């Protein structure tokens, strides 16, 4: 009895030790994968920032010299244009309010 029990305990301890080693190996592999994916994400983010900075620099180069501080105070091309004649949003097919108010008969009825 006692020898068989000791043998079972030894076998169980061996299985438990193997399971612990297996799980530790799985955990180590998982951490390695996470580290690799994090490194890839970091490189992609750095590459994205580098590309965005490159696009911004090219756009600024195409715009020309933007270091003129007086440029902010100058009128824009749109504000320099003469004001357009304001047209009504919808065409009027009847009497306008101003035309009605000129009529004394309408004023008395209203």
PDB file of N, CA and C in Angstrom:
ATOM      1  N   UNK A   1       0.761  -1.178   0.000  1.00  0.00           N
ATOM      2  CA  UNK A   1       0.000   0.000   0.000  1.00  0.00           C
ATOM      3  C   UNK A   1       0.818   1.266   0.000  1.00  0.00           C
ATOM      4  N   UNK A   2       1.777   1.381   0.964  1.00  0.00           N
ATOM      5  CA  UNK A   2       2.502   2.640   1.091  1.00  0.00           C
ATOM      6  C   UNK A   2       3.464   2.830  -0.079  1.00  0.00           C
ATOM      7  N   UNK A   3       4.053   1.728  -0.564  1.00  0.00           N
ATOM      8  CA  UNK A   3       4.990   1.821  -1.689  1.00  0.00           C
ATOM      9  C   UNK A   3       4.243   2.207  -2.963  1.00  0.00           C
ATOM     10  N   UNK A   4       3.037   1.622  -3.145  1.00  0.00           N
ATOM     11  CA  UNK A   4       2.234   1.944  -4.334  1.00  0.00           C
ATOM     12  C   UNK A   4       1.795   3.409  -4.287  1.00  0.00           C
ATOM     13  N   UNK A   5       1.419   3.839  -3.082  1.00  0.00           N
ATOM     14  CA  UNK A   5       0.981   5.227  -2.919  1.00  0.00           C
ATOM     15  C   UNK A   5       2.148   6.183  -3.206  1.00  0.00           C
ATOM     16  N   UNK A   6       3.327   5.842  -2.729  1.00  0.00           N
ATOM     17  CA  UNK A   6       4.499   6.678  -2.970  1.00  0.00           C
ATOM     18  C   UNK A   6       4.826   6.711  -4.456  1.00  0.00           C
ATOM     19  N   UNK A   7       4.621   5.581  -5.135  1.00  0.00           N
ATOM     20  CA  UNK A   7       4.874   5.511  -6.576  1.00  0.00           C
ATOM     21  C   UNK A   7       3.886   6.402  -7.334  1.00  0.00           C
ATOM     22  N   UNK A   8       2.597   6.353  -6.918  1.00  0.00           N
ATOM     23  CA  UNK A   8       1.566   7.208  -7.547  1.00  0.00           C
ATOM     24  C   UNK A   8       1.887   8.685  -7.319  1.00  0.00           C
ATOM     25  N   UNK A   9       2.296   9.001  -6.093  1.00  0.00           N
ATOM     26  CA  UNK A   9       2.636  10.397  -5.778  1.00  0.00           C
ATOM     27  C   UNK A   9       3.817  10.866  -6.633  1.00  0.00           C
ATOM     28  N   UNK A  10       4.794  10.002  -6.820  1.00  0.00           N
ATOM     29  CA  UNK A  10       5.955  10.364  -7.637  1.00  0.00           C
ATOM     30  C   UNK A  10       5.543  10.568  -9.087  1.00  0.00           C
ATOM     31  N   UNK A  11       4.667   9.680  -9.594  1.00  0.00           N
ATOM     32  CA  UNK A  11       4.192   9.814 -10.976  1.00  0.00           C
ATOM     33  C   UNK A  11       3.375  11.101 -11.126  1.00  0.00           C
ATOM     34  N   UNK A  12       2.511  11.390 -10.146  1.00  0.00           N
ATOM     35  CA  UNK A  12       1.687  12.602 -10.179  1.00  0.00           C
ATOM     36  C   UNK A  12       2.591  13.841 -10.132  1.00  0.00           C
ATOM     37  N   UNK A  13       3.611  13.817  -9.281  1.00  0.00           N
ATOM     38  CA  UNK A  13       4.533  14.946  -9.173  1.00  0.00           C
ATOM     39  C   UNK A  13       5.271  15.154 -10.491  1.00  0.00           C
ATOM     40  N   UNK A  14       5.649  14.033 -11.151  1.00  0.00           N
ATOM     41  CA  UNK A  14       6.326  14.139 -12.451  1.00  0.00           C
ATOM     42  C   UNK A  14       5.403  14.770 -13.493  1.00  0.00           C
ATOM     43  N   UNK A  15       4.123  14.338 -13.536  1.00  0.00           N
ATOM     44  CA  UNK A  15       3.134  14.905 -14.482  1.00  0.00           C
ATOM     45  C   UNK A  15       2.917  16.394 -14.195  1.00  0.00           C
ATOM     46  N   UNK A  16       2.785  16.726 -12.909  1.00  0.00           N
ATOM     47  CA  UNK A  16       2.589  18.132 -12.549  1.00  0.00           C
ATOM     48  C   UNK A  16       3.789  18.974 -12.974  1.00  0.00           C
ATOM     49  N   UNK A  17       4.995  18.461 -12.762  1.00  0.00           N
ATOM     50  CA  UNK A  17       6.209  19.174 -13.155  1.00  0.00           C
ATOM     51  C   UNK A  17       6.234  19.374 -14.668  1.00  0.00           C
ATOM     52  N   UNK A  18       5.863  18.333 -15.437  1.00  0.00           N
ATOM     53  CA  UNK A  18       5.831  18.453 -16.901  1.00  0.00           C
ATOM     54  C   UNK A  18       4.782  19.481 -17.342  1.00  0.00           C
ATOM     55  N   UNK A  19       3.601  19.491 -16.692  1.00  0.00           N
ATOM     56  CA  UNK A  19       2.558  20.461 -17.032  1.00  0.00           C
ATOM     57  C   UNK A  19       3.021  21.880 -16.724  1.00  0.00           C
ATOM     58  N   UNK A  20       3.702  22.049 -15.598  1.00  0.00           N
ATOM     59  CA  UNK A  20       4.207  23.373 -15.232  1.00  0.00           C
ATOM     60  C   UNK A  20       5.229  23.850 -16.260  1.00  0.00           C
ATOM     61  N   UNK A  21       6.120  22.932 -16.661  1.00  0.00           N
ATOM     62  CA  UNK A  21       7.110  23.299 -17.680  1.00  0.00           C
ATOM     63  C   UNK A  21       6.423  23.634 -19.006  1.00  0.00           C
ATOM     64  N   UNK A  22       5.419  22.846 -19.402  1.00  0.00           N
ATOM     65  CA  UNK A  22       4.686  23.082 -20.649  1.00  0.00           C
ATOM     66  C   UNK A  22       4.005  24.452 -20.612  1.00  0.00           C
ATOM     67  N   UNK A  23       3.334  24.741 -19.499  1.00  0.00           N
ATOM     68  CA  UNK A  23       2.635  26.029 -19.394  1.00  0.00           C
ATOM     69  C   UNK A  23       3.613  27.187 -19.361  1.00  0.00           C
ATOM     70  N   UNK A  24       4.750  27.012 -18.706  1.00  0.00           N
ATOM     71  CA  UNK A  24       5.761  28.065 -18.683  1.00  0.00           C
ATOM     72  C   UNK A  24       6.289  28.324 -20.092  1.00  0.00           C
ATOM     73  N   UNK A  25       6.482  27.249 -20.861  1.00  0.00           N
ATOM     74  CA  UNK A  25       6.947  27.388 -22.240  1.00  0.00           C
ATOM     75  C   UNK A  25       5.889  28.107 -23.087  1.00  0.00           C
ATOM     76  N   UNK A  26       4.628  27.734 -22.894  1.00  0.00           N
ATOM     77  CA  UNK A  26       3.536  28.394 -23.634  1.00  0.00           C
ATOM     78  C   UNK A  26       3.496  29.895 -23.286  1.00  0.00           C
ATOM     79  N   UNK A  27       3.651  30.212 -22.001  1.00  0.00           N
ATOM     80  CA  UNK A  27       3.620  31.599 -21.568  1.00  0.00           C
ATOM     81  C   UNK A  27       4.801  32.371 -22.170  1.00  0.00           C
ATOM     82  N   UNK A  28       5.972  31.757 -22.200  1.00  0.00           N
ATOM     83  CA  UNK A  28       7.143  32.396 -22.782  1.00  0.00           C
ATOM     84  C   UNK A  28       6.920  32.665 -24.271  1.00  0.00           C
ATOM     85  N   UNK A  29       6.348  31.684 -24.992  1.00  0.00           N
ATOM     86  CA  UNK A  29       6.076  31.861 -26.422  1.00  0.00           C
ATOM     87  C   UNK A  29       5.056  32.967 -26.650  1.00  0.00           C
ATOM     88  N   UNK A  30       4.029  33.019 -25.781  1.00  0.00           N
ATOM     89  CA  UNK A  30       2.998  34.056 -25.912  1.00  0.00           C
ATOM     90  C   UNK A  30       3.613  35.441 -25.706  1.00  0.00           C
ATOM     91  N   UNK A  31       4.475  35.572 -24.707  1.00  0.00           N
ATOM     92  CA  UNK A  31       5.124  36.865 -24.450  1.00  0.00           C
ATOM     93  C   UNK A  31       6.029  37.253 -25.612  1.00  0.00           C
ATOM     94  N   UNK A  32       6.711  36.291 -26.209  1.00  0.00           N
ATOM     95  CA  UNK A  32       7.550  36.579 -27.376  1.00  0.00           C
ATOM     96  C   UNK A  32       6.703  37.088 -28.534  1.00  0.00           C
ATOM     97  N   UNK A  33       5.557  36.422 -28.773  1.00  0.00           N
ATOM     98  CA  UNK A  33       4.654  36.864 -29.851  1.00  0.00           C
ATOM     99  C   UNK A  33       4.161  38.275 -29.592  1.00  0.00           C
ATOM    100  N   UNK A  34       3.762  38.549 -28.342  1.00  0.00           N
ATOM    101  CA  UNK A  34       3.267  39.881 -28.016  1.00  0.00           C
ATOM    102  C   UNK A  34       4.364  40.926 -28.201  1.00  0.00           C
ATOM    103  N   UNK A  35       5.586  40.582 -27.813  1.00  0.00           N
ATOM    104  CA  UNK A  35       6.706  41.512 -27.976  1.00  0.00           C
ATOM    105  C   UNK A  35       6.956  41.792 -29.451  1.00  0.00           C
ATOM    106  N   UNK A  36       6.897  40.736 -30.267  1.00  0.00           N
ATOM    107  CA  UNK A  36       7.118  40.913 -31.707  1.00  0.00           C
ATOM    108  C   UNK A  36       6.018  41.768 -32.331  1.00  0.00           C
ATOM    109  N   UNK A  37       4.760  41.493 -31.987  1.00  0.00           N
ATOM    110  CA  UNK A  37       3.663  42.276 -32.568  1.00  0.00           C
ATOM    111  C   UNK A  37       3.739  43.729 -32.100  1.00  0.00           C
ATOM    112  N   UNK A  38       4.140  43.945 -30.861  1.00  0.00           N
ATOM    113  CA  UNK A  38       4.282  45.310 -30.361  1.00  0.00           C
ATOM    114  C   UNK A  38       5.394  46.040 -31.111  1.00  0.00           C
ATOM    115  N   UNK A  39       6.484  45.329 -31.376  1.00  0.00           N
ATOM    116  CA  UNK A  39       7.594  45.937 -32.122  1.00  0.00           C
ATOM    117  C   UNK A  39       7.150  46.282 -33.541  1.00  0.00           C
ATOM    118  N   UNK A  40       6.370  45.394 -34.156  1.00  0.00           N
ATOM    119  CA  UNK A  40       5.868  45.650 -35.510  1.00  0.00           C
ATOM    120  C   UNK A  40       4.944  46.867 -35.506  1.00  0.00           C
ATOM    121  N   UNK A  41       4.057  46.932 -34.521  1.00  0.00           N
ATOM    122  CA  UNK A  41       3.150  48.082 -34.423  1.00  0.00           C
ATOM    123  C   UNK A  41       3.932  49.378 -34.225  1.00  0.00           C
ATOM    124  N   UNK A  42       4.965  49.318 -33.403  1.00  0.00           N
ATOM    125  CA  UNK A  42       5.783  50.498 -33.155  1.00  0.00           C
ATOM    126  C   UNK A  42       6.482  50.950 -34.434  1.00  0.00           C
ATOM    127  N   UNK A  43       7.042  49.987 -35.191  1.00  0.00           N
ATOM    128  CA  UNK A  43       7.709  50.335 -36.449  1.00  0.00           C
ATOM    129  C   UNK A  43       6.718  50.922 -37.444  1.00  0.00           C
ATOM    130  N   UNK A  44       5.501  50.336 -37.508  1.00  0.00           N
ATOM    131  CA  UNK A  44       4.485  50.866 -38.428  1.00  0.00           C
ATOM    132  C   UNK A  44       4.084  52.283 -38.040  1.00  0.00           C
ATOM    133  N   UNK A  45       3.961  52.537 -36.738  1.00  0.00           N
ATOM    134  CA  UNK A  45       3.588  53.882 -36.286  1.00  0.00           C
ATOM    135  C   UNK A  45       4.696  54.877 -36.631  1.00  0.00           C
ATOM    136  N   UNK A  46       5.942  54.473 -36.426  1.00  0.00           N
ATOM    137  CA  UNK A  46       7.059  55.365 -36.763  1.00  0.00           C
ATOM    138  C   UNK A  46       7.110  55.625 -38.269  1.00  0.00           C
ATOM    139  N   UNK A  47       6.866  54.585 -39.060  1.00  0.00           N
ATOM    140  CA  UNK A  47       6.859  54.736 -40.519  1.00  0.00           C
ATOM    141  C   UNK A  47       5.737  55.671 -40.955  1.00  0.00           C
ATOM    142  N   UNK A  48       4.581  55.540 -40.330  1.00  0.00           N
ATOM    143  CA  UNK A  48       3.429  56.396 -40.656  1.00  0.00           C
ATOM    144  C   UNK A  48       3.750  57.861 -40.339  1.00  0.00           C
ATOM    145  N   UNK A  49       4.339  58.090 -39.169  1.00  0.00           N
ATOM    146  CA  UNK A  49       4.707  59.458 -38.793  1.00  0.00           C
ATOM    147  C   UNK A  49       5.732  60.012 -39.780  1.00  0.00           C
ATOM    148  N   UNK A  50       6.702  59.187 -40.158  1.00  0.00           N
ATOM    149  CA  UNK A  50       7.723  59.625 -41.104  1.00  0.00           C
ATOM    150  C   UNK A  50       7.095  60.000 -42.447  1.00  0.00           C
ATOM    151  N   UNK A  51       6.155  59.164 -42.922  1.00  0.00           N
ATOM    152  CA  UNK A  51       5.487  59.461 -44.197  1.00  0.00           C
ATOM    153  C   UNK A  51       4.659  60.737 -44.098  1.00  0.00           C
ATOM    154  N   UNK A  52       3.927  60.911 -42.982  1.00  0.00           N
ATOM    155  CA  UNK A  52       3.118  62.120 -42.818  1.00  0.00           C
ATOM    156  C   UNK A  52       3.998  63.374 -42.788  1.00  0.00           C
ATOM    157  N   UNK A  53       5.129  63.289 -42.103  1.00  0.00           N
ATOM    158  CA  UNK A  53       6.042  64.432 -42.079  1.00  0.00           C
ATOM    159  C   UNK A  53       6.585  64.720 -43.474  1.00  0.00           C
ATOM    160  N   UNK A  54       6.857  63.669 -44.228  1.00  0.00           N
ATOM    161  CA  UNK A  54       7.350  63.842 -45.590  1.00  0.00           C
ATOM    162  C   UNK A  54       6.302  64.533 -46.463  1.00  0.00           C
ATOM    163  N   UNK A  55       5.051  64.109 -46.346  1.00  0.00           N
ATOM    164  CA  UNK A  55       3.966  64.724 -47.119  1.00  0.00           C
ATOM    165  C   UNK A  55       3.809  66.188 -46.720  1.00  0.00           C
ATOM    166  N   UNK A  56       3.871  66.444 -45.412  1.00  0.00           N
ATOM    167  CA  UNK A  56       3.738  67.827 -44.948  1.00  0.00           C
ATOM    168  C   UNK A  56       4.872  68.694 -45.483  1.00  0.00           C
ATOM    169  N   UNK A  57       6.097  68.173 -45.440  1.00  0.00           N
ATOM    170  CA  UNK A  57       7.239  68.940 -45.933  1.00  0.00           C
ATOM    171  C   UNK A  57       7.117  69.224 -47.426  1.00  0.00           C
ATOM    172  N   UNK A  58       6.657  68.226 -48.191  1.00  0.00           N
ATOM    173  CA  UNK A  58       6.486  68.444 -49.637  1.00  0.00           C
ATOM    174  C   UNK A  58       5.413  69.485 -49.904  1.00  0.00           C
ATOM    175  N   UNK A  59       4.312  69.437 -49.129  1.00  0.00           N
ATOM    176  CA  UNK A  59       3.233  70.410 -49.317  1.00  0.00           C
ATOM    177  C   UNK A  59       3.714  71.812 -48.970  1.00  0.00           C
ATOM    178  N   UNK A  60       4.461  71.941 -47.893  1.00  0.00           N
ATOM    179  CA  UNK A  60       4.982  73.261 -47.516  1.00  0.00           C
ATOM    180  C   UNK A  60       5.958  73.774 -48.558  1.00  0.00           C
ATOM    181  N   UNK A  61       6.755  72.892 -49.134  1.00  0.00           N
ATOM    182  CA  UNK A  61       7.701  73.305 -50.165  1.00  0.00           C
ATOM    183  C   UNK A  61       6.956  73.804 -51.406  1.00  0.00           C
ATOM    184  N   UNK A  62       5.840  73.154 -51.745  1.00  0.00           N
ATOM    185  CA  UNK A  62       5.064  73.581 -52.915  1.00  0.00           C
ATOM    186  C   UNK A  62       4.384  74.917 -52.671  1.00  0.00           C
ATOM    187  N   UNK A  63       4.029  75.213 -51.429  1.00  0.00           N
ATOM    188  CA  UNK A  63       3.341  76.464 -51.133  1.00  0.00           C
ATOM    189  C   UNK A  63       4.271  77.654 -51.189  1.00  0.00           C
ATOM    190  N   UNK A  64       5.546  77.433 -51.059  1.00  0.00           N
ATOM    191  CA  UNK A  64       6.482  78.544 -51.125  1.00  0.00           C
ATOM    192  C   UNK A  64       6.849  79.044 -49.745  1.00  0.00           C
ATOM    193  N   UNK A  65       7.318  80.284 -49.694  1.00  0.00           N
ATOM    194  CA  UNK A  65       7.792  80.862 -48.447  1.00  0.00           C
ATOM    195  C   UNK A  65       6.610  81.268 -47.580  1.00  0.00           C
ATOM    196  N   UNK A  66       6.466  80.634 -46.444  1.00  0.00           N
ATOM    197  CA  UNK A  66       5.361  80.954 -45.537  1.00  0.00           C
ATOM    198  C   UNK A  66       5.859  81.657 -44.282  1.00  0.00           C
ATOM    199  N   UNK A  67       7.053  82.229 -44.353  1.00  0.00           N
ATOM    200  CA  UNK A  67       7.604  82.871 -43.159  1.00  0.00           C
ATOM    201  C   UNK A  67       7.273  84.348 -43.089  1.00  0.00           C
ATOM    202  N   UNK A  68       6.427  84.863 -43.989  1.00  0.00           N
ATOM    203  CA  UNK A  68       6.059  86.271 -43.998  1.00  0.00           C
ATOM    204  C   UNK A  68       4.989  86.523 -42.936  1.00  0.00           C
ATOM    205  N   UNK A  69       5.319  87.174 -41.820  1.00  0.00           N
ATOM    206  CA  UNK A  69       4.305  87.373 -40.776  1.00  0.00           C
ATOM    207  C   UNK A  69       3.241  88.393 -41.175  1.00  0.00           C
ATOM    208  N   UNK A  70       3.545  89.293 -42.096  1.00  0.00           N
ATOM    209  CA  UNK A  70       2.564  90.292 -42.533  1.00  0.00           C
ATOM    210  C   UNK A  70       1.490  89.673 -43.418  1.00  0.00           C
ATOM    211  N   UNK A  71       1.757  88.472 -43.909  1.00  0.00           N
ATOM    212  CA  UNK A  71       0.804  87.793 -44.781  1.00  0.00           C
ATOM    213  C   UNK A  71      -0.532  87.566 -44.071  1.00  0.00           C
ATOM    214  N   UNK A  72      -0.485  87.375 -42.767  1.00  0.00           N
ATOM    215  CA  UNK A  72      -1.703  87.122 -41.991  1.00  0.00           C
ATOM    216  C   UNK A  72      -2.611  88.336 -42.000  1.00  0.00           C
ATOM    217  N   UNK A  73      -2.017  89.517 -42.008  1.00  0.00           N
ATOM    218  CA  UNK A  73      -2.805  90.741 -41.919  1.00  0.00           C
ATOM    219  C   UNK A  73      -3.351  91.215 -43.262  1.00  0.00           C
ATOM    220  N   UNK A  74      -2.882  90.644 -44.350  1.00  0.00           N
ATOM    221  CA  UNK A  74      -3.318  91.074 -45.682  1.00  0.00           C
ATOM    222  C   UNK A  74      -4.700  90.511 -46.001  1.00  0.00           C
ATOM    223  N   UNK A  75      -5.470  91.221 -46.840  1.00  0.00           N
ATOM    224  CA  UNK A  75      -6.782  90.686 -47.227  1.00  0.00           C
ATOM    225  C   UNK A  75      -6.621  89.470 -48.143  1.00  0.00           C
ATOM    226  N   UNK A  76      -7.580  88.600 -48.080  1.00  0.00           N
ATOM    227  CA  UNK A  76      -7.536  87.423 -48.939  1.00  0.00           C
ATOM    228  C   UNK A  76      -8.041  87.773 -50.327  1.00  0.00           C
ATOM    229  N   UNK A  77      -7.849  86.870 -51.278  1.00  0.00           N
ATOM    230  CA  UNK A  77      -8.308  87.098 -52.647  1.00  0.00           C
ATOM    231  C   UNK A  77      -9.832  87.204 -52.682  1.00  0.00           C
ATOM    232  N   UNK A  78     -10.510  86.410 -51.889  1.00  0.00           N
ATOM    233  CA  UNK A  78     -11.973  86.429 -51.887  1.00  0.00           C
ATOM    234  C   UNK A  78     -12.507  87.713 -51.257  1.00  0.00           C
ATOM    235  N   UNK A  79     -11.856  88.184 -50.174  1.00  0.00           N
ATOM    236  CA  UNK A  79     -12.356  89.395 -49.530  1.00  0.00           C
ATOM    237  C   UNK A  79     -12.036  90.648 -50.345  1.00  0.00           C
ATOM    238  N   UNK A  80     -11.087  90.553 -51.275  1.00  0.00           N
ATOM    239  CA  UNK A  80     -10.739  91.695 -52.111  1.00  0.00           C
ATOM    240  C   UNK A  80     -11.704  91.872 -53.275  1.00  0.00           C
ATOM    241  N   UNK A  81     -12.461  90.850 -53.601  1.00  0.00           N
ATOM    242  CA  UNK A  81     -13.390  90.912 -54.721  1.00  0.00           C
ATOM    243  C   UNK A  81     -14.564  91.824 -54.377  1.00  0.00           C
ATOM    244  N   UNK A  82     -15.144  92.477 -55.380  1.00  0.00           N
ATOM    245  CA  UNK A  82     -16.329  93.292 -55.094  1.00  0.00           C
ATOM    246  C   UNK A  82     -17.487  92.392 -54.658  1.00  0.00           C
ATOM    247  N   UNK A  83     -18.335  92.966 -53.816  1.00  0.00           N
ATOM    248  CA  UNK A  83     -19.460  92.194 -53.285  1.00  0.00           C
ATOM    249  C   UNK A  83     -20.419  91.831 -54.407  1.00  0.00           C
ATOM    250  N   UNK A  84     -20.856  90.611 -54.407  1.00  0.00           N
ATOM    251  CA  UNK A  84     -21.802  90.153 -55.429  1.00  0.00           C
ATOM    252  C   UNK A  84     -23.191  90.695 -55.113  1.00  0.00           C
ATOM    253  N   UNK A  85     -23.971  90.923 -56.155  1.00  0.00           N
ATOM    254  CA  UNK A  85     -25.338  91.386 -55.955  1.00  0.00           C
ATOM    255  C   UNK A  85     -26.120  90.228 -55.355  1.00  0.00           C
ATOM    256  N   UNK A  86     -26.767  90.521 -54.240  1.00  0.00           N
ATOM    257  CA  UNK A  86     -27.498  89.467 -53.556  1.00  0.00           C
ATOM    258  C   UNK A  86     -28.803  89.197 -54.284  1.00  0.00           C
ATOM    259  N   UNK A  87     -29.005  87.965 -54.660  1.00  0.00           N
ATOM    260  CA  UNK A  87     -30.244  87.594 -55.337  1.00  0.00           C
ATOM    261  C   UNK A  87     -31.102  86.807 -54.360  1.00  0.00           C
ATOM    262  N   UNK A  88     -32.416  86.883 -54.541  1.00  0.00           N
ATOM    263  CA  UNK A  88     -33.287  86.152 -53.611  1.00  0.00           C
ATOM    264  C   UNK A  88     -33.093  84.642 -53.766  1.00  0.00           C
ATOM    265  N   UNK A  89     -33.358  83.944 -52.688  1.00  0.00           N
ATOM    266  CA  UNK A  89     -33.170  82.503 -52.688  1.00  0.00           C
ATOM    267  C   UNK A  89     -34.171  81.824 -53.623  1.00  0.00           C
ATOM    268  N   UNK A  90     -35.413  82.284 -53.574  1.00  0.00           N
ATOM    269  CA  UNK A  90     -36.459  81.727 -54.439  1.00  0.00           C
ATOM    270  C   UNK A  90     -37.088  82.863 -55.243  1.00  0.00           C
ATOM    271  N   UNK A  91     -37.477  82.611 -56.485  1.00  0.00           N
ATOM    272  CA  UNK A  91     -38.117  83.673 -57.278  1.00  0.00           C
ATOM    273  C   UNK A  91     -39.503  84.008 -56.708  1.00  0.00           C
ATOM    274  N   UNK A  92     -39.845  85.282 -56.741  1.00  0.00           N
ATOM    275  CA  UNK A  92     -41.139  85.733 -56.223  1.00  0.00           C
ATOM    276  C   UNK A  92     -42.150  85.736 -57.362  1.00  0.00           C
ATOM    277  N   UNK A  93     -43.255  85.030 -57.174  1.00  0.00           N
ATOM    278  CA  UNK A  93     -44.280  84.980 -58.217  1.00  0.00           C
ATOM    279  C   UNK A  93     -45.488  85.833 -57.868  1.00  0.00           C
ATOM    280  N   UNK A  94     -45.501  86.396 -56.675  1.00  0.00           N
ATOM    281  CA  UNK A  94     -46.650  87.225 -56.266  1.00  0.00           C
ATOM    282  C   UNK A  94     -46.164  88.556 -55.772  1.00  0.00           C
ATOM    283  N   UNK A  95     -46.844  89.088 -54.787  1.00  0.00           N
ATOM    284  CA  UNK A  95     -46.465  90.371 -54.210  1.00  0.00           C
ATOM    285  C   UNK A  95     -45.387  90.169 -53.159  1.00  0.00           C
ATOM    286  N   UNK A  96     -44.474  91.125 -53.101  1.00  0.00           N
ATOM    287  CA  UNK A  96     -43.475  91.087 -52.043  1.00  0.00           C
ATOM    288  C   UNK A  96     -44.009  91.823 -50.832  1.00  0.00           C
ATOM    289  N   UNK A  97     -43.395  91.612 -49.692  1.00  0.00           N
ATOM    290  CA  UNK A  97     -43.851  92.252 -48.465  1.00  0.00           C
ATOM    291  C   UNK A  97     -43.706  93.769 -48.559  1.00  0.00           C
ATOM    292  N   UNK A  98     -42.610  94.236 -49.160  1.00  0.00           N
ATOM    293  CA  UNK A  98     -42.421  95.691 -49.270  1.00  0.00           C
ATOM    294  C   UNK A  98     -43.466  96.303 -50.196  1.00  0.00           C
ATOM    295  N   UNK A  99     -43.844  95.600 -51.275  1.00  0.00           N
ATOM    296  CA  UNK A  99     -44.873  96.123 -52.184  1.00  0.00           C
ATOM    297  C   UNK A  99     -46.225  96.179 -51.489  1.00  0.00           C
ATOM    298  N   UNK A 100     -46.520  95.171 -50.652  1.00  0.00           N
ATOM    299  CA  UNK A 100     -47.797  95.174 -49.933  1.00  0.00           C
ATOM    300  C   UNK A 100     -47.857  96.306 -48.911  1.00  0.00           C
ATOM    301  N   UNK A 101     -46.754  96.567 -48.249  1.00  0.00           N
ATOM    302  CA  UNK A 101     -46.742  97.611 -47.230  1.00  0.00           C
ATOM    303  C   UNK A 101     -46.883  99.006 -47.834  1.00  0.00           C
ATOM    304  N   UNK A 102     -46.605  99.152 -49.111  1.00  0.00           N
ATOM    305  CA  UNK A 102     -46.790 100.449 -49.766  1.00  0.00           C
ATOM    306  C   UNK A 102     -48.267 100.688 -50.099  1.00  0.00           C
ATOM    307  N   UNK A 103     -49.044  99.637 -50.147  1.00  0.00           N
ATOM    308  CA  UNK A 103     -50.456  99.763 -50.495  1.00  0.00           C
ATOM    309  C   UNK A 103     -51.251 100.094 -49.231  1.00  0.00           C
ATOM    310  N   UNK A 104     -51.943 101.241 -49.247  1.00  0.00           N
ATOM    311  CA  UNK A 104     -52.697 101.691 -48.076  1.00  0.00           C
ATOM    312  C   UNK A 104     -53.851 100.739 -47.769  1.00  0.00           C
ATOM    313  N   UNK A 105     -54.478 100.178 -48.802  1.00  0.00           N
ATOM    314  CA  UNK A 105     -55.602  99.273 -48.586  1.00  0.00           C
ATOM    315  C   UNK A 105     -55.158  98.030 -47.787  1.00  0.00           C
ATOM    316  N   UNK A 106     -53.974  97.545 -48.069  1.00  0.00           N
ATOM    317  CA  UNK A 106     -53.472  96.356 -47.363  1.00  0.00           C
ATOM    318  C   UNK A 106     -53.173  96.714 -45.907  1.00  0.00           C
ATOM    319  N   UNK A 107     -52.595  97.911 -45.695  1.00  0.00           N
ATOM    320  CA  UNK A 107     -52.263  98.330 -44.339  1.00  0.00           C
ATOM    321  C   UNK A 107     -53.526  98.432 -43.497  1.00  0.00           C
ATOM    322  N   UNK A 108     -54.609  98.956 -44.099  1.00  0.00           N
ATOM    323  CA  UNK A 108     -55.851  99.098 -43.339  1.00  0.00           C
ATOM    324  C   UNK A 108     -56.476  97.746 -43.042  1.00  0.00           C
ATOM    325  N   UNK A 109     -56.330  96.790 -43.967  1.00  0.00           N
ATOM    326  CA  UNK A 109     -56.918  95.474 -43.756  1.00  0.00           C
ATOM    327  C   UNK A 109     -56.117  94.633 -42.781  1.00  0.00           C
ATOM    328  N   UNK A 110     -54.869  94.890 -42.670  1.00  0.00           N
ATOM    329  CA  UNK A 110     -54.008  94.086 -41.809  1.00  0.00           C
ATOM    330  C   UNK A 110     -53.963  94.580 -40.426  1.00  0.00           C
TER     331      UNK A 110
END
